[in-house]
Amino acid sequence: MKIWIATGGTGGHVFPALSVAEELAKRGHKITISTDGRVIKMVKDGKPKNARVAFIWASGVGAKSKLKQMIALSKIGLSAIALILRFMIFRPDRLVAFGGYASVPAVFAAHVWKIPTFLHEQNAAIGRANKFTMRWVKTLMTSFQSVDGLPKNTSAKIVYTGLPVRSDFLNAANSPLKHENKILITGGSLGAQILDEIVPLAIAELKNKKLFITHQTRPENVAKLQKFYADHKIHANVLSFIKDMSSAIIDADLIIGRSGASTVIELETIGRPAILVPLAINPDQAANAESFAKLGGGFAIEQTKFSAKWLTDTLEKLFENPARLDKMAQKSYVQNHAVENIANTITK
């Protein structure tokens, strides 16, 4: 079959698309991947050998400026017209979209030509672009077993497939805790500043200082955090970038971080307890964290309630009871066969 894969915008949309493209190419299907300029190099570098790449003109429409919104909508509209014309001559047998505004033109063009269309939603709450395009979609594939915000009148079939992760996470699936008193803090983005402020203060108040901390932060915060941990005689490795994130998660007895879809699914794939603090302005992250907490894998705590005192008390209770950490790790584990599930759903 000729299968068109629509992706773009961020690496979070691109990586799952490339993983599925690789699997479909192995099965002998002809693959074309459409994407926008922001990630076209990533797509070209990671695509299957014989897959084609098509550039589309698209960007998000979330800007506050009305002019920027109009420009973004114009780009999406022009790209949709271009793909309608392209599909008139080179019509794919299936179209699968991985969300974001870069997927909208391809989904609409497929609808015009009645091409069976599949959409993948990363988060536990459906995004705006996916919610808009669901009216033209045959099947919605989900990363989580339940998804908030789905249109009530949708005729699309909902299929739980999971979210693809890298092979190094799959190879460590369901690995037991090492109980080496290690905590991993992932706070490398601007939106994670609160982790840099709260977590070190909480750890400094612990009665048991025999913990080893790996703390990912923004480059400008590295020296300040290194000094804080050293002054309080806390064993810590402060980094601006963690090259091997799978190993860092495997080595940790507990993770403290935000709750982007890929982060949560990686924790579930390996099976690790976590304290998740959703970004306050992002309802997707709140839904992801709540889904993880419902498994019993950890805590989902609102940013406004995330205090040093709460975290100190919670960490003391957890590390005084290793059996509880083990139980949380076991409950957090979810088998990940997402690539095969998505490929099977598309080609069925």
Protein backbone atom coordinates (compact mmCIF):
# COMPACT_ATOMS: atom_id res chain seq x y z
CA MET A 1 0.00 0.00 0.00
CA LYS A 2 0.93 3.66 -0.41
CA ILE A 3 0.76 5.23 3.05
CA TRP A 4 1.03 8.95 3.71
CA ILE A 5 2.21 9.98 7.20
CA ALA A 6 1.53 13.55 8.34
CA THR A 7 3.59 15.00 11.17
CA GLY A 8 5.49 18.13 12.19
CA GLY A 9 5.76 20.91 14.71
CA THR A 10 7.77 19.24 17.48
CA GLY A 11 9.86 16.17 18.14
CA GLY A 12 7.01 14.79 20.23
CA HIS A 13 4.92 14.46 17.06
CA VAL A 14 7.81 13.43 14.82
CA PHE A 15 9.39 10.55 16.74
CA PRO A 16 6.23 8.38 16.92
CA ALA A 17 5.63 9.06 13.21
CA LEU A 18 9.15 7.96 12.27
CA SER A 19 8.89 4.80 14.40
CA VAL A 20 5.66 3.79 12.67
CA ALA A 21 7.08 4.73 9.25
CA GLU A 22 10.03 2.40 9.87
CA GLU A 23 7.73 -0.48 10.80
CA LEU A 24 5.44 0.07 7.79
CA ALA A 25 8.45 0.26 5.46
CA LYS A 26 9.71 -3.07 6.84
CA ARG A 27 6.34 -4.56 5.93
CA GLY A 28 6.84 -3.46 2.32
CA HIS A 29 4.60 -0.41 2.16
CA LYS A 30 5.54 2.76 0.24
CA ILE A 31 5.88 5.66 2.63
CA THR A 32 5.63 9.43 2.15
CA ILE A 33 6.04 11.72 5.16
CA SER A 34 4.76 15.31 5.08
CA THR A 35 6.13 17.83 7.55
CA ASP A 36 6.76 21.53 8.05
CA GLY A 37 10.03 23.44 8.01
CA ARG A 38 10.56 23.38 11.77
CA VAL A 39 11.38 19.66 11.84
CA ILE A 40 12.05 18.75 8.22
CA LYS A 41 15.72 18.01 8.94
CA MET A 42 14.74 15.69 11.78
CA VAL A 43 12.37 13.86 9.45
CA LYS A 44 14.91 13.57 6.63
CA ASP A 45 17.57 12.26 9.02
CA GLY A 46 15.28 9.72 10.69
CA LYS A 47 13.05 8.48 7.87
CA PRO A 48 13.23 4.95 6.42
CA LYS A 49 15.71 4.66 3.55
CA ASN A 50 13.24 4.62 0.66
CA ALA A 51 10.60 6.92 2.17
CA ARG A 52 9.84 10.25 0.51
CA VAL A 53 9.49 13.56 2.33
CA ALA A 54 6.99 16.26 1.33
CA PHE A 55 7.27 19.82 2.64
CA ILE A 56 4.12 21.60 3.78
CA TRP A 57 3.63 25.18 4.86
CA ALA A 58 2.03 25.21 8.30
CA SER A 59 2.39 26.60 11.80
CA GLY A 60 0.37 26.76 15.02
CA VAL A 61 -2.50 29.22 15.32
CA GLY A 62 -2.18 29.82 19.06
CA ALA A 63 -0.54 33.24 18.76
CA LYS A 64 -2.30 36.14 20.53
CA SER A 65 -1.83 38.43 17.54
CA LYS A 66 -4.78 38.32 15.14
CA LEU A 67 -2.42 38.99 12.24
CA LYS A 68 -0.21 36.02 13.14
CA GLN A 69 -3.29 33.83 13.49
CA MET A 70 -4.48 34.85 10.02
CA ILE A 71 -1.05 34.15 8.55
CA ALA A 72 -0.96 30.72 10.20
CA LEU A 73 -4.45 29.85 8.93
CA SER A 74 -3.47 31.01 5.44
CA LYS A 75 -0.45 28.71 5.47
CA ILE A 76 -2.62 25.75 6.50
CA GLY A 77 -5.20 26.59 3.83
CA LEU A 78 -2.62 26.88 1.03
CA SER A 79 -0.98 23.61 2.09
CA ALA A 80 -4.38 21.90 2.08
CA ILE A 81 -5.05 23.09 -1.49
CA ALA A 82 -1.60 21.90 -2.59
CA LEU A 83 -2.19 18.44 -1.08
CA ILE A 84 -5.68 18.16 -2.61
CA LEU A 85 -4.09 18.70 -6.03
CA ARG A 86 -1.26 16.29 -5.26
CA PHE A 87 -3.62 13.55 -4.05
CA MET A 88 -5.66 13.94 -7.25
CA ILE A 89 -2.68 12.46 -9.15
CA PHE A 90 -0.70 10.58 -6.48
CA ARG A 91 -3.42 9.25 -4.22
CA PRO A 92 -2.33 7.28 -1.09
CA ASP A 93 -4.27 4.23 0.09
CA ARG A 94 -4.11 5.33 3.73
CA LEU A 95 -3.29 8.52 5.59
CA VAL A 96 -2.12 8.54 9.20
CA ALA A 97 -1.64 11.82 11.09
CA PHE A 98 0.28 12.32 14.32
CA GLY A 99 -1.37 15.51 15.50
CA GLY A 100 -0.46 19.17 15.58
CA TYR A 101 -1.41 21.83 13.05
CA ALA A 102 1.03 20.40 10.50
CA SER A 103 -1.33 17.41 10.18
CA VAL A 104 -4.45 19.42 9.36
CA PRO A 105 -3.81 20.03 5.61
CA ALA A 106 -3.15 16.35 4.91
CA VAL A 107 -6.19 15.17 6.88
CA PHE A 108 -8.46 17.59 5.02
CA ALA A 109 -7.04 16.62 1.63
CA ALA A 110 -7.57 12.94 2.45
CA HIS A 111 -11.16 13.71 3.42
CA VAL A 112 -11.78 15.39 0.06
CA TRP A 113 -10.64 12.25 -1.79
CA LYS A 114 -12.27 9.84 0.71
CA ILE A 115 -8.94 8.28 1.68
CA PRO A 116 -9.21 6.20 4.91
CA THR A 117 -7.65 8.42 7.57
CA PHE A 118 -6.17 7.52 10.96
CA LEU A 119 -5.25 10.02 13.66
CA HIS A 120 -2.99 9.48 16.69
CA GLU A 121 -3.46 11.46 19.92
CA GLN A 122 -0.43 11.63 22.21
CA ASN A 123 -2.03 12.98 25.35
CA ALA A 124 -4.75 11.92 27.78
CA ALA A 125 -6.71 15.02 26.72
CA ILE A 126 -7.26 15.61 23.01
CA GLY A 127 -5.41 18.60 21.51
CA ARG A 128 -7.07 21.44 19.63
CA ALA A 129 -5.79 20.45 16.19
CA ASN A 130 -6.82 16.81 16.62
CA LYS A 131 -10.21 17.79 17.97
CA PHE A 132 -10.75 19.97 14.89
CA THR A 133 -9.74 17.25 12.42
CA MET A 134 -11.68 14.41 14.07
CA ARG A 135 -14.73 15.24 11.92
CA TRP A 136 -12.78 13.86 8.91
CA VAL A 137 -11.15 10.85 10.60
CA LYS A 138 -12.08 7.17 10.40
CA THR A 139 -10.11 6.00 13.45
CA LEU A 140 -8.55 7.78 16.44
CA MET A 141 -5.62 5.93 18.01
CA THR A 142 -4.76 6.88 21.60
CA SER A 143 -1.66 6.78 23.80
CA PHE A 144 -3.70 6.40 27.00
CA GLN A 145 -6.57 4.06 27.73
CA SER A 146 -8.95 6.98 28.19
CA VAL A 147 -8.88 10.43 26.58
CA ASP A 148 -10.68 13.52 27.84
CA GLY A 149 -12.36 16.07 25.60
CA LEU A 150 -13.41 13.83 22.70
CA PRO A 151 -16.24 15.28 20.57
CA LYS A 152 -19.52 13.72 21.70
CA ASN A 153 -20.88 13.38 18.17
CA THR A 154 -17.81 11.75 16.62
CA SER A 155 -18.28 8.75 14.38
CA ALA A 156 -14.60 7.83 14.55
CA LYS A 157 -13.61 4.49 16.00
CA ILE A 158 -11.45 4.88 19.14
CA VAL A 159 -8.55 2.41 19.41
CA TYR A 160 -6.06 2.31 22.28
CA THR A 161 -2.62 1.66 20.78
CA GLY A 162 -0.14 3.34 23.13
CA LEU A 163 2.63 5.78 22.21
CA PRO A 164 5.87 4.61 20.53
CA VAL A 165 9.06 5.00 22.54
CA ARG A 166 12.70 4.40 21.63
CA SER A 167 14.11 0.86 21.72
CA ASP A 168 16.30 1.61 24.75
CA PHE A 169 13.14 2.15 26.81
CA LEU A 170 11.55 -1.02 25.44
CA ASN A 171 14.68 -3.02 26.27
CA ALA A 172 14.38 -1.93 29.91
CA ALA A 173 10.67 -2.69 30.21
CA ASN A 174 9.50 -3.69 33.70
CA SER A 175 13.02 -3.64 35.14
CA PRO A 176 13.10 -3.82 38.98
CA LEU A 177 14.13 -0.90 41.16
CA LYS A 178 17.78 -0.94 42.21
CA HIS A 179 17.13 0.67 45.63
CA GLU A 180 20.24 2.83 45.51
CA ASN A 181 18.42 5.89 46.95
CA LYS A 182 18.59 7.77 43.66
CA ILE A 183 16.19 10.55 42.63
CA LEU A 184 16.01 11.96 39.10
CA ILE A 185 14.68 15.50 38.63
CA THR A 186 13.91 16.47 35.03
CA GLY A 187 13.55 20.24 34.85
CA GLY A 188 15.45 21.35 31.78
CA SER A 189 12.86 23.71 30.31
CA LEU A 190 11.75 27.25 31.13
CA GLY A 191 8.40 25.93 32.32
CA ALA A 192 10.06 23.72 34.93
CA GLN A 193 11.58 26.55 36.98
CA ILE A 194 9.39 25.63 39.95
CA LEU A 195 11.17 22.27 40.22
CA ASP A 196 14.49 24.06 40.58
CA GLU A 197 13.00 26.21 43.32
CA ILE A 198 11.11 23.61 45.36
CA VAL A 199 12.96 20.30 45.03
CA PRO A 200 16.40 21.34 46.42
CA LEU A 201 14.74 23.03 49.43
CA ALA A 202 12.72 19.89 50.14
CA ILE A 203 15.73 17.57 49.86
CA ALA A 204 17.78 19.83 52.16
CA GLU A 205 15.16 19.31 54.91
CA LEU A 206 15.26 15.51 54.75
CA LYS A 207 16.47 13.74 57.89
CA ASN A 208 18.20 11.14 55.72
CA LYS A 209 20.71 12.88 53.44
CA LYS A 210 22.00 9.58 52.02
CA LEU A 211 20.39 10.19 48.67
CA PHE A 212 22.02 10.73 45.30
CA ILE A 213 20.36 13.37 43.15
CA THR A 214 20.55 13.71 39.38
CA HIS A 215 19.07 17.09 38.55
CA GLN A 216 18.54 18.26 34.99
CA THR A 217 18.10 22.01 34.75
CA ARG A 218 18.57 24.93 32.40
CA PRO A 219 22.23 25.87 31.69
CA GLU A 220 22.00 29.15 33.60
CA ASN A 221 20.89 27.32 36.77
CA VAL A 222 23.60 24.65 36.88
CA ALA A 223 26.19 26.52 38.97
CA LYS A 224 23.61 27.83 41.46
CA LEU A 225 22.15 24.37 42.09
CA GLN A 226 25.58 22.74 42.32
CA LYS A 227 26.52 25.24 45.05
CA PHE A 228 23.24 24.71 46.93
CA TYR A 229 23.62 20.92 47.01
CA ALA A 230 27.31 21.18 47.99
CA ASP A 231 26.54 23.66 50.79
CA HIS A 232 23.96 21.25 52.20
CA LYS A 233 26.25 18.20 51.82
CA ILE A 234 23.90 16.51 49.35
CA HIS A 235 25.37 14.16 46.75
CA ALA A 236 24.16 15.60 43.46
CA ASN A 237 24.99 15.62 39.78
CA VAL A 238 23.54 18.75 38.17
CA LEU A 239 23.33 18.71 34.36
CA SER A 240 21.86 20.89 31.64
CA PHE A 241 21.34 17.90 29.35
CA ILE A 242 21.00 14.15 29.91
CA LYS A 243 22.14 12.31 26.81
CA ASP A 244 20.96 8.86 27.91
CA MET A 245 17.60 9.51 29.51
CA SER A 246 16.58 5.85 29.53
CA SER A 247 19.59 4.92 31.69
CA ALA A 248 18.88 7.85 34.01
CA ILE A 249 15.29 6.65 34.52
CA ILE A 250 16.36 3.01 34.94
CA ASP A 251 18.88 3.99 37.64
CA ALA A 252 16.38 6.11 39.59
CA ASP A 253 14.16 4.89 42.41
CA LEU A 254 11.92 7.92 41.93
CA ILE A 255 11.45 10.57 39.23
CA ILE A 256 10.22 14.12 39.84
CA GLY A 257 9.20 16.07 36.76
CA ARG A 258 6.59 17.45 34.40
CA SER A 259 4.04 15.22 32.67
CA GLY A 260 4.41 15.51 28.92
CA ALA A 261 3.00 12.50 27.08
CA SER A 262 6.37 11.02 26.11
CA THR A 263 7.71 11.38 29.68
CA VAL A 264 4.71 9.59 31.18
CA ILE A 265 4.75 6.79 28.62
CA GLU A 266 8.50 6.29 29.12
CA LEU A 267 7.92 5.93 32.87
CA GLU A 268 5.14 3.43 32.21
CA THR A 269 7.25 1.46 29.72
CA ILE A 270 10.15 0.99 32.16
CA GLY A 271 7.97 0.93 35.27
CA ARG A 272 9.12 3.71 37.57
CA PRO A 273 7.36 5.62 40.38
CA ALA A 274 7.13 9.36 39.95
CA ILE A 275 5.93 12.65 41.37
CA LEU A 276 4.45 14.57 38.45
CA VAL A 277 3.81 18.31 38.53
CA PRO A 278 1.81 19.28 35.42
CA LEU A 279 2.56 22.58 33.76
CA ALA A 280 -0.18 24.84 35.11
CA ILE A 281 -1.20 26.26 31.72
CA ASN A 282 -1.30 22.88 29.98
CA PRO A 283 -4.48 20.77 30.43
CA ASP A 284 -2.87 17.94 28.44
CA GLN A 285 -0.17 17.51 31.10
CA ALA A 286 -2.75 17.52 33.89
CA ALA A 287 -4.65 14.71 32.17
CA ASN A 288 -1.45 12.73 31.58
CA ALA A 289 -0.39 13.03 35.21
CA GLU A 290 -3.84 12.05 36.46
CA SER A 291 -3.83 8.98 34.22
CA PHE A 292 -0.46 7.93 35.66
CA ALA A 293 -1.61 8.51 39.24
CA LYS A 294 -4.73 6.39 38.68
CA LEU A 295 -2.49 3.45 37.83
CA GLY A 296 -0.97 3.78 41.29
CA GLY A 297 2.45 4.67 39.91
CA GLY A 298 2.84 7.91 41.82
CA PHE A 299 1.49 11.36 42.55
CA ALA A 300 -0.06 14.01 40.35
CA ILE A 301 0.11 17.28 42.23
CA GLU A 302 -0.97 20.72 41.06
CA GLN A 303 1.76 23.31 40.85
CA THR A 304 -0.04 25.57 43.36
CA LYS A 305 0.05 22.74 45.95
CA PHE A 306 3.63 21.65 45.23
CA SER A 307 5.46 22.95 48.30
CA ALA A 308 8.82 22.10 49.85
CA LYS A 309 7.10 20.86 53.04
CA TRP A 310 4.75 18.56 51.12
CA LEU A 311 7.64 17.16 49.09
CA THR A 312 9.88 16.63 52.15
CA ASP A 313 7.12 14.71 53.95
CA THR A 314 6.35 12.64 50.85
CA LEU A 315 9.99 11.76 50.15
CA GLU A 316 10.58 10.69 53.76
CA LYS A 317 7.54 8.40 53.70
CA LEU A 318 8.60 6.83 50.40
CA PHE A 319 12.27 6.24 51.16
CA GLU A 320 11.50 4.90 54.64
CA ASN A 321 9.33 2.26 52.96
CA PRO A 322 11.15 0.64 49.99
CA ALA A 323 8.32 -1.88 49.59
CA ARG A 324 5.96 0.98 48.77
CA LEU A 325 8.30 2.21 46.03
CA ASP A 326 8.42 -1.32 44.62
CA LYS A 327 4.62 -1.50 44.59
CA MET A 328 4.36 1.86 42.84
CA ALA A 329 6.92 0.75 40.23
CA GLN A 330 4.93 -2.43 39.55
CA LYS A 331 1.67 -0.52 39.21
CA SER A 332 3.20 2.07 36.89
CA TYR A 333 4.32 -0.54 34.35
CA VAL A 334 2.29 -0.75 31.13
CA GLN A 335 3.32 -3.02 28.26
CA ASN A 336 4.23 -1.00 25.17
CA HIS A 337 3.48 -2.51 21.77
CA ALA A 338 2.50 0.83 20.27
CA VAL A 339 4.43 0.61 16.99
CA GLU A 340 2.98 -2.79 16.12
CA ASN A 341 -0.51 -1.80 17.31
CA ILE A 342 -0.53 1.37 15.18
CA ALA A 343 0.87 -0.38 12.11
CA ASN A 344 -1.70 -3.17 12.45
CA THR A 345 -4.57 -0.72 12.86
CA ILE A 346 -3.55 1.24 9.75
CA THR A 347 -3.10 -1.79 7.51
CA LYS A 348 -6.02 -3.89 8.75
